Amino acid sequence: MPSPQARALLSEQLARERNLAYRTEAANGTMIPDIPPPPGPTGTGTGTGTGTGTGTGQKTTQPTLPEGVNGAIMDAADTPPPPAPRPRPRP
């Protein structure tokens, strides 16, 4: 374990670097680009289509998560397991 002086020096250097990073970001703007979300399947984009489709294609909806839940929906977790194979009779 480092000495108390070494820990204090390291903490001071880290605080200095953090403050410099905050000041630099405030002066120059963030370095994380503003990426728009990908276009959704609803067709809300600004396409140049004619709009003469029949609308008979298969439509799928994304399942929504319950309030306060983060993560993926596992469809396989809700389905029963496949039946076990029957053993073959021996001659």
C-alpha atoms as a PDB file:
ATOM      1  CA  MET A   1       0.000   0.000   0.000  1.00  0.00           C
ATOM      2  CA  PRO A   2       1.445   3.392  -0.947  1.00  0.00           C
ATOM      3  CA  SER A   3       2.310   5.919   1.673  1.00  0.00           C
ATOM      4  CA  PRO A   4      -0.224   8.608   2.656  1.00  0.00           C
ATOM      5  CA  GLN A   5       1.901  11.222   0.888  1.00  0.00           C
ATOM      6  CA  ALA A   6       1.911   9.225  -2.352  1.00  0.00           C
ATOM      7  CA  ARG A   7      -1.859   8.731  -2.157  1.00  0.00           C
ATOM      8  CA  ALA A   8      -2.396  12.446  -1.532  1.00  0.00           C
ATOM      9  CA  LEU A   9      -0.152  13.341  -4.483  1.00  0.00           C
ATOM     10  CA  LEU A  10      -1.978  10.895  -6.760  1.00  0.00           C
ATOM     11  CA  SER A  11      -5.375  12.231  -5.657  1.00  0.00           C
ATOM     12  CA  GLU A  12      -4.229  15.795  -6.309  1.00  0.00           C
ATOM     13  CA  GLN A  13      -2.973  14.881  -9.808  1.00  0.00           C
ATOM     14  CA  LEU A  14      -6.205  13.076 -10.646  1.00  0.00           C
ATOM     15  CA  ALA A  15      -8.288  16.035  -9.458  1.00  0.00           C
ATOM     16  CA  ARG A  16      -6.136  18.390 -11.543  1.00  0.00           C
ATOM     17  CA  GLU A  17      -6.557  16.233 -14.660  1.00  0.00           C
ATOM     18  CA  ARG A  18     -10.314  15.961 -14.114  1.00  0.00           C
ATOM     19  CA  ASN A  19     -10.681  19.726 -13.709  1.00  0.00           C
ATOM     20  CA  LEU A  20      -8.588  20.333 -16.831  1.00  0.00           C
ATOM     21  CA  ALA A  21     -10.744  17.877 -18.777  1.00  0.00           C
ATOM     22  CA  TYR A  22     -13.913  19.661 -17.593  1.00  0.00           C
ATOM     23  CA  ARG A  23     -12.516  23.086 -18.554  1.00  0.00           C
ATOM     24  CA  THR A  24     -11.342  21.809 -21.946  1.00  0.00           C
ATOM     25  CA  GLU A  25     -14.727  20.252 -22.671  1.00  0.00           C
ATOM     26  CA  ALA A  26     -16.510  23.438 -21.655  1.00  0.00           C
ATOM     27  CA  ALA A  27     -14.275  25.522 -23.928  1.00  0.00           C
ATOM     28  CA  ASN A  28     -14.199  23.203 -26.960  1.00  0.00           C
ATOM     29  CA  GLY A  29     -17.444  21.316 -26.622  1.00  0.00           C
ATOM     30  CA  THR A  30     -17.794  17.635 -26.040  1.00  0.00           C
ATOM     31  CA  MET A  31     -15.782  15.177 -28.079  1.00  0.00           C
ATOM     32  CA  ILE A  32     -18.693  12.717 -28.270  1.00  0.00           C
ATOM     33  CA  PRO A  33     -20.452  13.186 -31.624  1.00  0.00           C
ATOM     34  CA  ASP A  34     -24.199  13.732 -31.746  1.00  0.00           C
ATOM     35  CA  ILE A  35     -25.330  10.662 -33.688  1.00  0.00           C
ATOM     36  CA  PRO A  36     -29.008  10.541 -34.618  1.00  0.00           C
ATOM     37  CA  PRO A  37     -30.893   7.307 -33.989  1.00  0.00           C
ATOM     38  CA  PRO A  38     -31.267   4.870 -36.885  1.00  0.00           C
ATOM     39  CA  PRO A  39     -34.445   5.165 -38.908  1.00  0.00           C
ATOM     40  CA  GLY A  40     -37.256   3.071 -37.527  1.00  0.00           C
ATOM     41  CA  PRO A  41     -39.404   0.561 -39.387  1.00  0.00           C
ATOM     42  CA  THR A  42     -42.376   2.942 -39.308  1.00  0.00           C
ATOM     43  CA  GLY A  43     -41.059   4.953 -42.249  1.00  0.00           C
ATOM     44  CA  THR A  44     -40.860   8.282 -40.469  1.00  0.00           C
ATOM     45  CA  GLY A  45     -37.797   9.214 -42.518  1.00  0.00           C
ATOM     46  CA  THR A  46     -37.731  11.696 -45.364  1.00  0.00           C
ATOM     47  CA  GLY A  47     -37.780   9.174 -48.187  1.00  0.00           C
ATOM     48  CA  THR A  48     -38.637   9.886 -51.804  1.00  0.00           C
ATOM     49  CA  GLY A  49     -41.093   7.029 -52.301  1.00  0.00           C
ATOM     50  CA  THR A  50     -44.351   7.472 -54.170  1.00  0.00           C
ATOM     51  CA  GLY A  51     -46.557   6.143 -51.390  1.00  0.00           C
ATOM     52  CA  THR A  52     -48.463   3.711 -53.616  1.00  0.00           C
ATOM     53  CA  GLY A  53     -47.797   0.550 -51.592  1.00  0.00           C
ATOM     54  CA  THR A  54     -50.653  -1.779 -50.737  1.00  0.00           C
ATOM     55  CA  GLY A  55     -49.716  -2.238 -47.096  1.00  0.00           C
ATOM     56  CA  THR A  56     -50.265  -5.997 -47.107  1.00  0.00           C
ATOM     57  CA  GLY A  57     -46.805  -6.914 -45.857  1.00  0.00           C
ATOM     58  CA  GLN A  58     -46.215  -8.589 -42.517  1.00  0.00           C
ATOM     59  CA  LYS A  59     -45.974  -6.072 -39.710  1.00  0.00           C
ATOM     60  CA  THR A  60     -44.021  -6.794 -36.565  1.00  0.00           C
ATOM     61  CA  THR A  61     -44.013  -4.804 -33.366  1.00  0.00           C
ATOM     62  CA  GLN A  62     -41.198  -4.572 -30.911  1.00  0.00           C
ATOM     63  CA  PRO A  63     -42.070  -5.905 -27.457  1.00  0.00           C
ATOM     64  CA  THR A  64     -41.969  -3.283 -24.740  1.00  0.00           C
ATOM     65  CA  LEU A  65     -40.333  -3.763 -21.388  1.00  0.00           C
ATOM     66  CA  PRO A  66     -42.253  -3.267 -18.164  1.00  0.00           C
ATOM     67  CA  GLU A  67     -41.730  -0.022 -16.277  1.00  0.00           C
ATOM     68  CA  GLY A  68     -38.396   0.060 -14.429  1.00  0.00           C
ATOM     69  CA  VAL A  69     -36.903  -2.939 -16.272  1.00  0.00           C
ATOM     70  CA  ASN A  70     -33.793  -2.758 -18.436  1.00  0.00           C
ATOM     71  CA  GLY A  71     -32.528  -5.507 -20.672  1.00  0.00           C
ATOM     72  CA  ALA A  72     -33.437  -7.872 -23.446  1.00  0.00           C
ATOM     73  CA  ILE A  73     -36.593  -9.906 -23.672  1.00  0.00           C
ATOM     74  CA  MET A  74     -35.728 -13.571 -23.782  1.00  0.00           C
ATOM     75  CA  ASP A  75     -38.432 -15.401 -25.717  1.00  0.00           C
ATOM     76  CA  ALA A  76     -36.719 -18.739 -25.183  1.00  0.00           C
ATOM     77  CA  ALA A  77     -37.011 -18.362 -21.424  1.00  0.00           C
ATOM     78  CA  ASP A  78     -40.819 -18.398 -21.676  1.00  0.00           C
ATOM     79  CA  THR A  79     -41.122 -21.458 -23.911  1.00  0.00           C
ATOM     80  CA  PRO A  80     -41.146 -25.010 -22.551  1.00  0.00           C
ATOM     81  CA  PRO A  81     -38.119 -27.183 -23.298  1.00  0.00           C
ATOM     82  CA  PRO A  82     -38.351 -29.548 -26.254  1.00  0.00           C
ATOM     83  CA  PRO A  83     -39.397 -33.117 -25.446  1.00  0.00           C
ATOM     84  CA  ALA A  84     -36.577 -35.494 -24.615  1.00  0.00           C
ATOM     85  CA  PRO A  85     -35.753 -38.024 -27.355  1.00  0.00           C
ATOM     86  CA  ARG A  86     -37.016 -41.530 -26.685  1.00  0.00           C
ATOM     87  CA  PRO A  87     -34.359 -44.209 -26.395  1.00  0.00           C
ATOM     88  CA  ARG A  88     -34.272 -46.704 -29.251  1.00  0.00           C
ATOM     89  CA  PRO A  89     -35.076 -50.285 -28.408  1.00  0.00           C
ATOM     90  CA  ARG A  90     -32.110 -52.613 -28.753  1.00  0.00           C
ATOM     91  CA  PRO A  91     -32.506 -55.826 -30.765  1.00  0.00           C
END
